[in-house]
Amino acid sequence: MIIDIKVMLKDESGQPFMGIGLVWLLAGIDEHHSISQAAKQMDLSYPKALRMLQSVERGLGHPVVARHRGGSERGGAELTPLGRDFLRRYDGMQKRIKRFAAEEFKKTFAKPLASGGAD
């Protein structure tokens, strides 16, 4: 038996705007300097990737990606300083939460469960 924790941020209205998919997208943009390449790496459509970015930017109230027009030679994208900081903090928080959950899970289920039939 293992524990699997999903960490998701929601806005004030309860709409999710940050989860593992967006972490992967932002990391891919940081690596490839391209929204389309990051989306392709995740097998996402470009419009879906844009919607994900718009969602997090709406949730934060600031851009997380700077887009540069200009085609394959001059175009591209990069994380804004806020985007990079947010990604770093979210990733660190997610790792700490998962580590805590794993430790609590081990403590909770360290002893074998009581066996016996149901009455």
Protein backbone atom coordinates (compact mmCIF):
# COMPACT_ATOMS: atom_id res chain seq x y z
CA MET A 1 0.00 0.00 0.00
CA ILE A 2 1.30 3.48 -0.88
CA ILE A 3 0.00 7.03 -0.53
CA ASP A 4 -0.33 9.36 -3.50
CA ILE A 5 -0.93 13.05 -2.85
CA LYS A 6 -2.00 15.57 -5.50
CA VAL A 7 -1.34 19.22 -4.64
CA MET A 8 -3.57 21.71 -6.45
CA LEU A 9 -4.07 25.43 -5.95
CA LYS A 10 -7.48 26.99 -6.47
CA ASP A 11 -8.57 30.59 -6.80
CA GLU A 12 -11.07 32.26 -4.46
CA SER A 13 -14.00 30.88 -6.47
CA GLY A 14 -12.70 27.32 -6.14
CA GLN A 15 -11.41 26.98 -9.71
CA PRO A 16 -8.12 25.06 -9.93
CA PHE A 17 -5.25 26.93 -11.55
CA MET A 18 -2.07 25.12 -10.52
CA GLY A 19 -1.33 21.41 -10.47
CA ILE A 20 1.32 18.98 -11.65
CA GLY A 21 0.44 19.46 -15.34
CA LEU A 22 1.22 23.16 -15.15
CA VAL A 23 4.45 22.43 -13.25
CA TRP A 24 5.53 20.19 -16.15
CA LEU A 25 4.47 22.81 -18.71
CA LEU A 26 6.38 25.62 -16.98
CA ALA A 27 9.45 23.40 -16.57
CA GLY A 28 9.24 22.50 -20.28
CA ILE A 29 9.00 26.17 -21.27
CA ASP A 30 12.02 26.90 -19.08
CA GLU A 31 13.94 24.08 -20.77
CA HIS A 32 12.90 24.63 -24.41
CA HIS A 33 12.15 28.39 -24.38
CA SER A 34 9.04 27.51 -26.35
CA ILE A 35 5.41 27.00 -25.38
CA SER A 36 4.78 24.83 -28.43
CA GLN A 37 7.80 22.58 -27.73
CA ALA A 38 6.85 22.24 -24.07
CA ALA A 39 3.27 21.37 -25.08
CA LYS A 40 4.47 18.86 -27.67
CA GLN A 41 6.71 17.19 -25.07
CA MET A 42 3.62 16.70 -22.88
CA ASP A 43 1.41 15.62 -25.79
CA LEU A 44 -0.77 18.71 -25.23
CA SER A 45 -2.28 20.88 -27.91
CA TYR A 46 -0.89 24.40 -28.14
CA PRO A 47 -4.33 25.94 -27.40
CA LYS A 48 -4.65 23.76 -24.25
CA ALA A 49 -1.19 24.89 -23.10
CA LEU A 50 -2.21 28.53 -23.62
CA ARG A 51 -5.40 28.00 -21.61
CA MET A 52 -3.36 26.50 -18.76
CA LEU A 53 -1.02 29.50 -18.78
CA GLN A 54 -3.92 31.94 -18.89
CA SER A 55 -5.50 30.16 -15.93
CA VAL A 56 -2.43 30.44 -13.71
CA GLU A 57 -1.81 34.03 -14.78
CA ARG A 58 -5.42 34.89 -13.91
CA GLY A 59 -5.04 33.12 -10.56
CA LEU A 60 -1.83 34.97 -9.72
CA GLY A 61 -2.77 38.26 -11.33
CA HIS A 62 0.59 38.45 -13.13
CA PRO A 63 2.26 36.89 -16.19
CA VAL A 64 4.39 33.80 -15.58
CA VAL A 65 5.67 33.53 -19.16
CA ALA A 66 7.11 36.24 -21.42
CA ARG A 67 6.26 35.50 -25.05
CA HIS A 68 8.44 36.73 -27.92
CA ARG A 69 6.94 36.85 -31.40
CA GLY A 70 9.08 36.29 -34.44
CA GLY A 71 8.80 32.76 -35.76
CA SER A 72 11.24 29.91 -35.28
CA GLU A 73 14.35 32.12 -35.52
CA ARG A 74 13.48 34.97 -33.15
CA GLY A 75 10.38 33.84 -31.31
CA GLY A 76 10.11 31.93 -28.09
CA ALA A 77 9.06 32.13 -24.50
CA GLU A 78 10.69 32.28 -21.12
CA LEU A 79 9.52 32.26 -17.55
CA THR A 80 9.21 35.67 -15.97
CA PRO A 81 11.08 36.16 -12.68
CA LEU A 82 7.70 35.80 -10.94
CA GLY A 83 6.97 32.62 -12.93
CA ARG A 84 10.33 31.09 -12.05
CA ASP A 85 9.95 32.02 -8.36
CA PHE A 86 6.39 30.68 -8.24
CA LEU A 87 7.43 27.40 -9.89
CA ARG A 88 10.34 27.00 -7.46
CA ARG A 89 8.17 27.68 -4.42
CA TYR A 90 5.28 25.49 -5.59
CA ASP A 91 7.62 22.61 -6.41
CA GLY A 92 9.34 22.88 -3.02
CA MET A 93 6.00 23.04 -1.20
CA GLN A 94 4.69 20.03 -3.12
CA LYS A 95 7.79 17.98 -2.24
CA ARG A 96 7.50 18.90 1.47
CA ILE A 97 3.80 17.99 1.54
CA LYS A 98 4.46 14.64 -0.13
CA ARG A 99 7.34 13.88 2.25
CA PHE A 100 5.15 14.75 5.26
CA ALA A 101 2.28 12.60 3.93
CA ALA A 102 4.63 9.65 3.35
CA GLU A 103 5.98 9.92 6.92
CA GLU A 104 2.48 10.13 8.41
CA PHE A 105 1.36 7.21 6.27
CA LYS A 106 4.26 5.08 7.56
CA LYS A 107 3.47 5.99 11.18
CA THR A 108 -0.25 5.36 10.75
CA PHE A 109 0.17 1.97 9.11
CA ALA A 110 3.39 0.79 10.80
CA LYS A 111 1.47 -1.85 12.77
CA PRO A 112 -0.46 -4.51 10.89
CA LEU A 113 -4.17 -3.88 10.63
CA ALA A 114 -6.43 -5.92 12.91
CA SER A 115 -7.64 -9.02 11.17
CA GLY A 116 -10.92 -10.75 11.65
CA GLY A 117 -14.27 -11.04 10.01
CA ALA A 118 -16.89 -8.35 9.90
CA ASP A 119 -19.83 -8.83 12.23
